[in-house]
Amino acid sequence: MDKNNGTFGIIIGGIVAVVAAIFIFSGGELGGKKTVESDRDLPPVQETNKR
C-alpha cells in the first residue's frame, strides 16, 4: 500500500512540475501575454488639483 502512495505522489509531483514549467516559460501569463503598446492600453489615472 505504501508503494502505491509513493508512485501516486511521484506522478502528481511530475504533473505539477510540468505545469509550473509551462507557466514560467509562457511568461507567467495564463491568458496570454499582456503587452502595453500605447497609453490607451493603460488604465485611466485620477487627477488631483494641486494648488
PDB file of N, CA and C in Angstrom:
ATOM      1  N   MET A   1       0.823  -1.196   0.000  1.00  0.00           N
ATOM      2  CA  MET A   1       0.000   0.000   0.000  1.00  0.00           C
ATOM      3  C   MET A   1       0.868   1.261   0.000  1.00  0.00           C
ATOM      4  N   ASP A   2       1.938   1.272   0.783  1.00  0.00           N
ATOM      5  CA  ASP A   2       2.798   2.451   0.820  1.00  0.00           C
ATOM      6  C   ASP A   2       3.495   2.678  -0.514  1.00  0.00           C
ATOM      7  N   LYS A   3       3.808   1.605  -1.216  1.00  0.00           N
ATOM      8  CA  LYS A   3       4.476   1.740  -2.503  1.00  0.00           C
ATOM      9  C   LYS A   3       3.555   2.412  -3.520  1.00  0.00           C
ATOM     10  N   ASN A   4       2.277   2.097  -3.486  1.00  0.00           N
ATOM     11  CA  ASN A   4       1.324   2.725  -4.400  1.00  0.00           C
ATOM     12  C   ASN A   4       1.186   4.210  -4.106  1.00  0.00           C
ATOM     13  N   ASN A   5       1.190   4.594  -2.834  1.00  0.00           N
ATOM     14  CA  ASN A   5       1.080   6.011  -2.482  1.00  0.00           C
ATOM     15  C   ASN A   5       2.313   6.782  -2.937  1.00  0.00           C
ATOM     16  N   GLY A   6       3.479   6.169  -2.866  1.00  0.00           N
ATOM     17  CA  GLY A   6       4.697   6.829  -3.335  1.00  0.00           C
ATOM     18  C   GLY A   6       4.677   7.051  -4.834  1.00  0.00           C
ATOM     19  N   THR A   7       4.204   6.072  -5.566  1.00  0.00           N
ATOM     20  CA  THR A   7       4.105   6.198  -7.019  1.00  0.00           C
ATOM     21  C   THR A   7       3.104   7.282  -7.392  1.00  0.00           C
ATOM     22  N   PHE A   8       1.997   7.318  -6.690  1.00  0.00           N
ATOM     23  CA  PHE A   8       0.986   8.346  -6.941  1.00  0.00           C
ATOM     24  C   PHE A   8       1.560   9.737  -6.677  1.00  0.00           C
ATOM     25  N   GLY A   9       2.330   9.879  -5.609  1.00  0.00           N
ATOM     26  CA  GLY A   9       2.950  11.169  -5.290  1.00  0.00           C
ATOM     27  C   GLY A   9       3.946  11.611  -6.342  1.00  0.00           C
ATOM     28  N   ILE A  10       4.711  10.657  -6.862  1.00  0.00           N
ATOM     29  CA  ILE A  10       5.679  10.982  -7.908  1.00  0.00           C
ATOM     30  C   ILE A  10       4.959  11.436  -9.177  1.00  0.00           C
ATOM     31  N   ILE A  11       3.862  10.790  -9.522  1.00  0.00           N
ATOM     32  CA  ILE A  11       3.100  11.173 -10.718  1.00  0.00           C
ATOM     33  C   ILE A  11       2.506  12.567 -10.548  1.00  0.00           C
ATOM     34  N   ILE A  12       1.882  12.828  -9.405  1.00  0.00           N
ATOM     35  CA  ILE A  12       1.289  14.152  -9.157  1.00  0.00           C
ATOM     36  C   ILE A  12       2.376  15.224  -9.121  1.00  0.00           C
ATOM     37  N   GLY A  13       3.503  14.925  -8.480  1.00  0.00           N
ATOM     38  CA  GLY A  13       4.615  15.879  -8.439  1.00  0.00           C
ATOM     39  C   GLY A  13       5.151  16.191  -9.822  1.00  0.00           C
ATOM     40  N   GLY A  14       5.223  15.183 -10.674  1.00  0.00           N
ATOM     41  CA  GLY A  14       5.680  15.403 -12.045  1.00  0.00           C
ATOM     42  C   GLY A  14       4.729  16.274 -12.837  1.00  0.00           C
ATOM     43  N   ILE A  15       3.438  16.044 -12.647  1.00  0.00           N
ATOM     44  CA  ILE A  15       2.433  16.863 -13.341  1.00  0.00           C
ATOM     45  C   ILE A  15       2.525  18.314 -12.883  1.00  0.00           C
ATOM     46  N   VAL A  16       2.666  18.527 -11.578  1.00  0.00           N
ATOM     47  CA  VAL A  16       2.782  19.891 -11.042  1.00  0.00           C
ATOM     48  C   VAL A  16       4.043  20.564 -11.579  1.00  0.00           C
ATOM     49  N   ALA A  17       5.148  19.828 -11.666  1.00  0.00           N
ATOM     50  CA  ALA A  17       6.394  20.392 -12.181  1.00  0.00           C
ATOM     51  C   ALA A  17       6.263  20.788 -13.646  1.00  0.00           C
ATOM     52  N   VAL A  18       5.591  19.970 -14.444  1.00  0.00           N
ATOM     53  CA  VAL A  18       5.403  20.285 -15.867  1.00  0.00           C
ATOM     54  C   VAL A  18       4.520  21.518 -16.027  1.00  0.00           C
ATOM     55  N   VAL A  19       3.442  21.596 -15.260  1.00  0.00           N
ATOM     56  CA  VAL A  19       2.554  22.763 -15.332  1.00  0.00           C
ATOM     57  C   VAL A  19       3.297  24.022 -14.895  1.00  0.00           C
ATOM     58  N   ALA A  20       4.104  23.932 -13.840  1.00  0.00           N
ATOM     59  CA  ALA A  20       4.874  25.089 -13.383  1.00  0.00           C
ATOM     60  C   ALA A  20       5.878  25.529 -14.447  1.00  0.00           C
ATOM     61  N   ALA A  21       6.526  24.588 -15.113  1.00  0.00           N
ATOM     62  CA  ALA A  21       7.483  24.933 -16.165  1.00  0.00           C
ATOM     63  C   ALA A  21       6.789  25.622 -17.337  1.00  0.00           C
ATOM     64  N   ILE A  22       5.630  25.131 -17.725  1.00  0.00           N
ATOM     65  CA  ILE A  22       4.872  25.764 -18.813  1.00  0.00           C
ATOM     66  C   ILE A  22       4.477  27.182 -18.418  1.00  0.00           C
ATOM     67  N   PHE A  23       4.039  27.365 -17.176  1.00  0.00           N
ATOM     68  CA  PHE A  23       3.649  28.694 -16.693  1.00  0.00           C
ATOM     69  C   PHE A  23       4.838  29.648 -16.717  1.00  0.00           C
ATOM     70  N   ILE A  24       5.999  29.185 -16.276  1.00  0.00           N
ATOM     71  CA  ILE A  24       7.180  30.049 -16.228  1.00  0.00           C
ATOM     72  C   ILE A  24       7.651  30.398 -17.636  1.00  0.00           C
ATOM     73  N   PHE A  25       7.718  29.415 -18.537  1.00  0.00           N
ATOM     74  CA  PHE A  25       8.205  29.678 -19.885  1.00  0.00           C
ATOM     75  C   PHE A  25       7.216  30.464 -20.732  1.00  0.00           C
ATOM     76  N   SER A  26       5.943  30.505 -20.345  1.00  0.00           N
ATOM     77  CA  SER A  26       4.971  31.300 -21.092  1.00  0.00           C
ATOM     78  C   SER A  26       4.991  32.755 -20.652  1.00  0.00           C
ATOM     79  N   GLY A  27       5.846  33.107 -19.733  1.00  0.00           N
ATOM     80  CA  GLY A  27       5.949  34.483 -19.270  1.00  0.00           C
ATOM     81  C   GLY A  27       5.116  34.750 -18.043  1.00  0.00           C
ATOM     82  N   GLY A  28       4.539  33.744 -17.447  1.00  0.00           N
ATOM     83  CA  GLY A  28       3.760  33.921 -16.235  1.00  0.00           C
ATOM     84  C   GLY A  28       2.330  34.358 -16.466  1.00  0.00           C
ATOM     85  N   GLU A  29       1.898  34.394 -17.695  1.00  0.00           N
ATOM     86  CA  GLU A  29       0.529  34.801 -18.002  1.00  0.00           C
ATOM     87  C   GLU A  29      -0.269  33.583 -18.439  1.00  0.00           C
ATOM     88  N   LEU A  30      -1.374  33.318 -17.775  1.00  0.00           N
ATOM     89  CA  LEU A  30      -2.185  32.161 -18.141  1.00  0.00           C
ATOM     90  C   LEU A  30      -3.095  32.455 -19.326  1.00  0.00           C
ATOM     91  N   GLY A  31      -3.564  33.688 -19.450  1.00  0.00           N
ATOM     92  CA  GLY A  31      -4.498  34.026 -20.511  1.00  0.00           C
ATOM     93  C   GLY A  31      -3.845  34.669 -21.708  1.00  0.00           C
ATOM     94  N   GLY A  32      -2.569  34.519 -21.884  1.00  0.00           N
ATOM     95  CA  GLY A  32      -1.866  35.163 -22.984  1.00  0.00           C
ATOM     96  C   GLY A  32      -0.980  36.275 -22.464  1.00  0.00           C
ATOM     97  N   LYS A  33      -0.038  36.684 -23.266  1.00  0.00           N
ATOM     98  CA  LYS A  33       0.914  37.701 -22.843  1.00  0.00           C
ATOM     99  C   LYS A  33       0.280  39.085 -22.981  1.00  0.00           C
ATOM    100  N   LYS A  34       0.367  39.876 -21.926  1.00  0.00           N
ATOM    101  CA  LYS A  34      -0.178  41.228 -21.941  1.00  0.00           C
ATOM    102  C   LYS A  34       0.955  42.207 -22.221  1.00  0.00           C
ATOM    103  N   THR A  35       0.799  42.980 -23.275  1.00  0.00           N
ATOM    104  CA  THR A  35       1.806  43.973 -23.614  1.00  0.00           C
ATOM    105  C   THR A  35       1.150  45.339 -23.690  1.00  0.00           C
ATOM    106  N   VAL A  36       1.913  46.347 -23.364  1.00  0.00           N
ATOM    107  CA  VAL A  36       1.442  47.725 -23.457  1.00  0.00           C
ATOM    108  C   VAL A  36       2.058  48.325 -24.707  1.00  0.00           C
ATOM    109  N   GLU A  37       1.206  48.719 -25.640  1.00  0.00           N
ATOM    110  CA  GLU A  37       1.695  49.280 -26.894  1.00  0.00           C
ATOM    111  C   GLU A  37       1.579  50.797 -26.923  1.00  0.00           C
ATOM    112  N   SER A  38       0.635  51.351 -26.176  1.00  0.00           N
ATOM    113  CA  SER A  38       0.485  52.801 -26.139  1.00  0.00           C
ATOM    114  C   SER A  38      -0.174  53.196 -24.822  1.00  0.00           C
ATOM    115  N   ASP A  39      -0.389  54.491 -24.634  1.00  0.00           N
ATOM    116  CA  ASP A  39      -1.026  54.979 -23.415  1.00  0.00           C
ATOM    117  C   ASP A  39      -2.482  54.533 -23.313  1.00  0.00           C
ATOM    118  N   ARG A  40      -3.113  54.224 -24.425  1.00  0.00           N
ATOM    119  CA  ARG A  40      -4.514  53.783 -24.403  1.00  0.00           C
ATOM    120  C   ARG A  40      -4.674  52.417 -23.740  1.00  0.00           C
ATOM    121  N   ASP A  41      -3.600  51.631 -23.693  1.00  0.00           N
ATOM    122  CA  ASP A  41      -3.657  50.315 -23.065  1.00  0.00           C
ATOM    123  C   ASP A  41      -3.620  50.393 -21.541  1.00  0.00           C
ATOM    124  N   LEU A  42      -3.236  51.543 -21.007  1.00  0.00           N
ATOM    125  CA  LEU A  42      -3.115  51.707 -19.560  1.00  0.00           C
ATOM    126  C   LEU A  42      -4.449  52.129 -18.953  1.00  0.00           C
ATOM    127  N   PRO A  43      -4.693  51.806 -17.688  1.00  0.00           N
ATOM    128  CA  PRO A  43      -5.937  52.236 -17.051  1.00  0.00           C
ATOM    129  C   PRO A  43      -5.937  53.746 -16.833  1.00  0.00           C
ATOM    130  N   PRO A  44      -7.120  54.354 -16.725  1.00  0.00           N
ATOM    131  CA  PRO A  44      -7.179  55.801 -16.508  1.00  0.00           C
ATOM    132  C   PRO A  44      -6.604  56.174 -15.144  1.00  0.00           C
ATOM    133  N   VAL A  45      -6.021  57.357 -15.087  1.00  0.00           N
ATOM    134  CA  VAL A  45      -5.419  57.855 -13.851  1.00  0.00           C
ATOM    135  C   VAL A  45      -6.266  59.008 -13.346  1.00  0.00           C
ATOM    136  N   GLN A  46      -6.600  58.963 -12.071  1.00  0.00           N
ATOM    137  CA  GLN A  46      -7.396  60.038 -11.487  1.00  0.00           C
ATOM    138  C   GLN A  46      -6.494  61.228 -11.212  1.00  0.00           C
ATOM    139  N   GLU A  47      -6.922  62.394 -11.684  1.00  0.00           N
ATOM    140  CA  GLU A  47      -6.123  63.597 -11.500  1.00  0.00           C
ATOM    141  C   GLU A  47      -6.575  64.334 -10.255  1.00  0.00           C
ATOM    142  N   THR A  48      -5.619  64.930  -9.561  1.00  0.00           N
ATOM    143  CA  THR A  48      -5.934  65.761  -8.395  1.00  0.00           C
ATOM    144  C   THR A  48      -5.486  67.180  -8.697  1.00  0.00           C
ATOM    145  N   ASN A  49      -6.236  68.136  -8.188  1.00  0.00           N
ATOM    146  CA  ASN A  49      -5.893  69.540  -8.393  1.00  0.00           C
ATOM    147  C   ASN A  49      -4.934  69.979  -7.297  1.00  0.00           C
ATOM    148  N   LYS A  50      -3.692  70.223  -7.659  1.00  0.00           N
ATOM    149  CA  LYS A  50      -2.697  70.708  -6.698  1.00  0.00           C
ATOM    150  C   LYS A  50      -2.631  72.218  -6.814  1.00  0.00           C
ATOM    151  N   ARG A  51      -2.604  72.883  -5.662  1.00  0.00           N
ATOM    152  CA  ARG A  51      -2.568  74.349  -5.683  1.00  0.00           C
ATOM    153  C   ARG A  51      -1.311  74.859  -5.077  1.00  0.00           C
TER     154      ARG A  51
END
